[in-house]
Amino acid sequence: MSIDRVFMMKQRLTDAMESSDPETRKWKARFAAARGAYATGEFKQCEELLSLALEQGKTLKEKDFAVNTCLVGQGAAALAVGDLDRAKKKLKTAIERLSSASEPAMKELHAVALRFLAETASQAGEFDDSENYLQEACSLLETLGVDGAVQLAYTMSDLATIYLKQGDSFDAGELVLSAMELLNTTHQGNSSEYERANLIYNLSHASNEEEFLGAVEDSITKLEYRKGPKHPSVSRAVRWYIQRLRERGDQQKIAEVEAKFGVHCK
């Protein structure tokens, strides 16, 4: 699953804060630094910067947006280090605060928080909950029309992944095909998100387990090249791959994958 959301969106959610106020600019710079630390796997630094940004955000005119953005960022950072309980707490706090928001940017942030929460549920094997969170995110984004189209496509890919994890290849393939069409209409046909959606589509049509696992490893290699070896998307994908290998009892392949990607799972 990709994290091109609060931290890694092509068009940043934080761009919604258009202001010449020096403090707002300082907040945006600090959040951008946290985003950079996240992308390179410097999660302690990321969390420190987010804590500072959150406190500063409380003093801004756009404090509701700034504070909730930091909460979602903290949830994402906690998720990246495997602290699911802390991630859920941060994300649910943000979701509760955003639940009555009517502004488009706040609705989009709400949907982003739901996507991260869905990932915590997925990692815990709670696929029904994950599906429900993603369905809710889709409903929110659909109310935004064109402005929510990019995030809607991302969310549809997430939902297709959940179907795939549950063995529902047909629905996964149908849904992700719609996501790919939407990405094309939003001029993201050459993006990493389109590549991810294409992978999901190919996985949904794999003729056997060997072909499926081969496609997963190939996609992780491509993702590592595009995002960097320490990017959370890489480690999450590797953990999913290793989980599938563990279900097969293939300890030798697990050791090879851990050595190749530098990710070790208990």
Foldseek 3Di string as FASTA:
>chain_A
DDLCAQLNPPDHLLVVPDDPDPLSVVLVVLQNVLSVCQLQQVLVSSLVSLVVSLVSLCPDPPNLLSNLSSLQSNLVSCVLVPNLVSSLVSLVVSLVSLVPDDDLSSLSSNLSSLQSNLVSCVVVVNLVSSLVSLVVSLVSLVVVPPVSLLVNLLSLQSNLVSCVVVVNLVSSLVSLVVSCVSCVVVVNNPPLSNVSSVLSNVLSVDPDDVSNLVSLVVNLVVCCVVRNLSNSVSLVSLVVSLVVCVVVVNPVVNVVSCVVSVHDDD
